Protein backbone atom coordinates (compact mmCIF):
# COMPACT_ATOMS: atom_id res chain seq x y z
CA MET A 1 99.45 148.67 118.13
CA PRO A 2 99.30 151.07 115.06
CA LYS A 3 95.85 152.15 113.52
CA ILE A 4 94.86 150.59 110.53
CA VAL A 5 94.64 153.13 107.83
CA HIS A 6 92.74 152.22 105.19
CA ASP A 7 93.22 154.07 101.83
CA GLU A 8 89.72 153.69 100.84
CA ASP A 9 88.34 155.95 103.80
CA VAL A 10 91.71 158.11 103.12
CA PHE A 11 90.87 158.33 99.28
CA LYS A 12 87.42 159.80 100.25
CA ALA A 13 88.56 162.41 102.77
CA VAL A 14 90.64 163.64 100.43
CA ILE A 15 88.43 163.72 97.97
CA GLY A 16 86.17 165.96 100.46
CA VAL A 17 89.12 168.20 101.58
CA VAL A 18 89.55 169.48 97.50
CA VAL A 19 85.98 169.70 96.90
CA ALA A 20 85.70 172.19 99.82
CA ARG A 21 88.81 173.76 99.53
CA GLY A 22 90.03 173.49 95.94
CA TYR A 23 93.66 171.57 95.20
CA ALA A 24 95.47 174.86 96.85
CA GLY A 25 93.82 175.46 99.56
CA ALA A 26 93.40 171.82 100.43
CA THR A 27 96.16 170.87 103.48
CA THR A 28 96.73 167.42 104.18
CA LYS A 29 96.54 168.69 107.73
CA GLU A 30 92.76 169.08 106.91
CA MET A 31 92.76 165.41 104.85
CA ALA A 32 94.43 163.79 107.80
CA GLU A 33 91.35 165.29 110.14
CA ALA A 34 88.78 164.36 107.83
CA ALA A 35 90.51 160.76 107.07
CA ASN A 36 90.27 160.37 111.14
CA VAL A 37 94.00 159.78 111.15
CA SER A 38 97.86 161.61 112.01
CA GLU A 39 99.27 164.02 109.78
CA ILE A 40 102.39 162.42 110.07
CA THR A 41 100.56 158.60 108.94
CA LEU A 42 99.56 160.58 106.00
CA PHE A 43 103.33 161.93 105.06
CA ARG A 44 104.55 158.45 106.08
CA LYS A 45 102.46 156.80 103.97
CA TYR A 46 101.71 158.92 100.89
CA GLU A 47 104.34 161.18 100.77
CA THR A 48 102.26 164.41 99.21
CA LYS A 49 99.26 166.40 98.98
CA ALA A 50 99.88 165.68 95.30
CA GLN A 51 100.62 162.26 95.80
CA LEU A 52 97.22 161.94 97.97
CA VAL A 53 95.17 163.01 95.06
CA LYS A 54 97.26 161.25 92.45
CA LEU A 55 96.15 157.68 94.65
CA ALA A 56 92.67 159.20 95.27
CA ILE A 57 92.15 159.49 91.37
CA SER A 58 93.97 156.27 90.44
CA SER A 59 91.82 154.73 92.94
CA ILE A 60 88.52 156.23 91.32
CA ALA A 61 89.55 155.07 87.97
CA ASP A 62 89.87 151.52 89.45
CA GLN A 63 86.17 151.55 90.70
CA LEU A 64 85.01 152.56 87.96
CA ASP A 65 86.84 150.54 85.70
CA PHE A 66 87.43 152.68 83.03
CA GLU A 67 89.77 150.84 80.73
CA SER A 68 87.35 147.56 80.24
CA ALA A 69 85.38 149.93 78.68
CA THR A 70 87.50 151.10 76.26
CA GLN A 71 87.87 147.95 74.15
CA TYR A 72 86.53 147.35 71.65
CA SER A 73 83.93 145.17 69.76
CA GLY A 74 83.62 145.76 66.74
CA ASP A 75 80.22 147.09 67.03
CA VAL A 76 80.89 151.54 67.42
CA TYR A 77 77.67 152.44 68.90
CA ALA A 78 78.20 149.26 71.98
CA ASP A 79 81.70 150.57 72.54
CA LEU A 80 80.94 154.09 72.66
CA LEU A 81 77.54 153.75 74.63
CA ALA A 82 80.08 151.31 77.24
CA VAL A 83 82.40 154.89 77.36
CA VAL A 84 79.75 157.39 78.28
CA GLU A 85 78.08 155.22 80.62
CA ARG A 86 81.56 154.46 82.30
CA TYR A 87 82.28 158.39 82.43
CA GLN A 88 78.62 158.96 83.17
CA ASN A 89 78.97 157.73 86.31
CA LEU A 90 82.25 159.41 86.94
CA ALA A 91 80.74 162.38 86.38
CA SER A 92 77.45 161.84 88.61
CA GLU A 93 79.96 160.80 91.15
CA TYR A 94 82.99 162.64 91.39
CA GLY A 95 82.55 165.21 88.78
CA HIS A 96 82.56 167.91 91.55
CA PHE A 97 86.24 166.67 92.31
CA LEU A 98 87.46 166.37 88.87
CA SER A 99 85.88 170.29 87.95
CA VAL A 100 87.75 171.51 91.18
CA LEU A 101 91.35 170.38 89.83
CA MET A 102 91.05 171.02 86.36
CA PRO A 103 91.82 174.68 87.18
CA ASP A 104 94.69 174.18 88.35
CA LEU A 105 96.28 171.80 86.27
CA GLY A 106 98.36 174.31 84.37
CA ARG A 107 99.02 175.80 88.05
CA TYR A 108 100.61 173.63 90.09
CA PRO A 109 103.54 171.02 88.11
CA GLU A 110 102.91 168.37 90.40
CA MET A 111 99.59 168.09 89.21
CA ALA A 112 101.11 167.32 85.12
CA GLU A 113 101.91 163.55 87.12
CA VAL A 114 98.38 163.66 89.28
CA MET A 115 96.34 163.49 85.66
CA GLU A 116 98.62 160.88 84.33
CA ARG A 117 96.06 158.05 84.74
CA PRO A 118 93.16 160.29 83.89
CA MET A 119 95.37 161.62 80.73
CA GLY A 120 96.31 157.20 79.48
CA ILE A 121 92.09 156.41 80.08
CA MET A 122 91.48 160.01 77.23
CA ARG A 123 94.66 158.42 74.78
CA SER A 124 92.71 154.43 75.36
CA VAL A 125 89.16 156.57 74.56
CA GLY A 126 90.82 158.31 71.75
CA MET A 127 92.66 154.90 70.32
CA LEU A 128 89.36 153.31 70.32
CA VAL A 129 88.24 156.20 67.94
CA ALA A 130 91.29 156.49 65.90
CA ARG A 131 90.66 152.15 65.41
CA TYR A 132 86.36 152.82 63.88
CA GLN A 133 88.50 156.09 61.75
CA ALA A 134 90.99 153.68 60.61
CA GLU A 135 88.26 151.03 59.56
CA GLY A 136 86.08 153.31 58.18
CA LYS A 137 83.10 153.50 59.89
CA LEU A 138 83.39 157.10 61.47
CA LYS A 139 84.64 159.71 59.96
CA ALA A 140 88.40 161.11 59.87
CA GLU A 141 89.20 163.88 62.48
CA ASN A 142 91.88 164.13 65.06
CA PRO A 143 90.60 161.54 67.62
CA PHE A 144 90.56 163.88 70.36
CA HIS A 145 88.18 166.19 69.04
CA THR A 146 85.89 163.33 68.51
CA VAL A 147 86.36 162.18 71.91
CA ALA A 148 85.86 165.83 73.09
CA ALA A 149 82.42 166.00 70.99
CA LEU A 150 81.63 162.55 72.54
CA LEU A 151 81.77 163.82 76.54
CA GLY A 152 81.69 167.58 76.36
CA PRO A 153 78.43 167.00 76.87
CA LEU A 154 78.91 164.91 80.23
CA VAL A 155 81.59 167.27 81.40
CA TYR A 156 79.55 170.56 81.68
CA ILE A 157 76.70 169.43 82.85
CA PRO A 158 77.79 168.45 86.07
CA MET A 159 80.32 171.35 86.01
CA LEU A 160 77.09 172.97 86.20
CA ARG A 161 75.33 171.21 89.30
CA GLY A 162 75.59 173.24 92.04
CA THR A 163 75.16 176.44 90.29
CA LEU A 164 72.28 178.94 89.87
CA PHE A 165 72.18 177.39 86.45
CA GLU A 166 71.23 173.95 87.86
CA SER A 167 67.08 173.89 87.65
CA ASP A 168 67.23 174.16 84.17
CA LEU A 169 70.18 171.15 83.50
CA PRO A 170 68.71 168.71 81.44
CA SER A 171 69.36 164.67 82.10
CA ILE A 172 70.88 163.24 79.03
CA ASP A 173 69.72 159.88 78.11
CA LEU A 174 72.75 158.51 76.52
CA GLU A 175 71.75 155.95 74.45
CA ALA A 176 70.22 159.06 72.05
CA HIS A 177 73.27 161.10 72.38
CA VAL A 178 75.39 158.60 71.11
CA LYS A 179 72.87 157.74 68.55
CA ASN A 180 73.14 161.36 67.93
CA PHE A 181 76.61 161.79 67.97
CA LEU A 182 77.57 158.36 65.06
CA GLY A 183 74.44 160.58 63.30
CA GLY A 184 76.87 163.26 62.49
CA ARG A 185 80.05 161.15 62.45
CA GLU A 186 79.42 157.24 61.02
CA ILE A 187 80.53 156.28 58.33
CA VAL A 188 77.67 154.12 56.63
């Protein structure tokens, strides 16, 4: 009887190997060993390393249900708070994984496809911001610049985890962060 392969176990193994070795250094052999399956099984079920990483990222997005955090409610504060809360959950659980992948985006053409879902989520956040800008509730600027300003501190701090500077890192009060962010961009 063939062994049942659980996607979530494989994806956790993929994430662990990529964090430890980087995308370039991670091998499907190591991923298979970490998932306690054969390398042939990985290739049959998932085809490539890039596909494994893409599916692991999609699994993360599914777990965190980012799409629901980008739904328009008419309350700019509540909507942006939902986005940063969801992003904070992502960063605290998977920030190191994503920070290991980011430098490889330009080096490996297959990484463009891997990042389709995260980029789709960022476009959704950008469209949410653009809607509030069109309504005159947020200052007009490139929506992706606005998103970068909103999420920047949440990206920066997890990237420094595990470094010599970790003891100097403050926690982020998300409600205060969104209020301060809106203080410079909200039109009242």
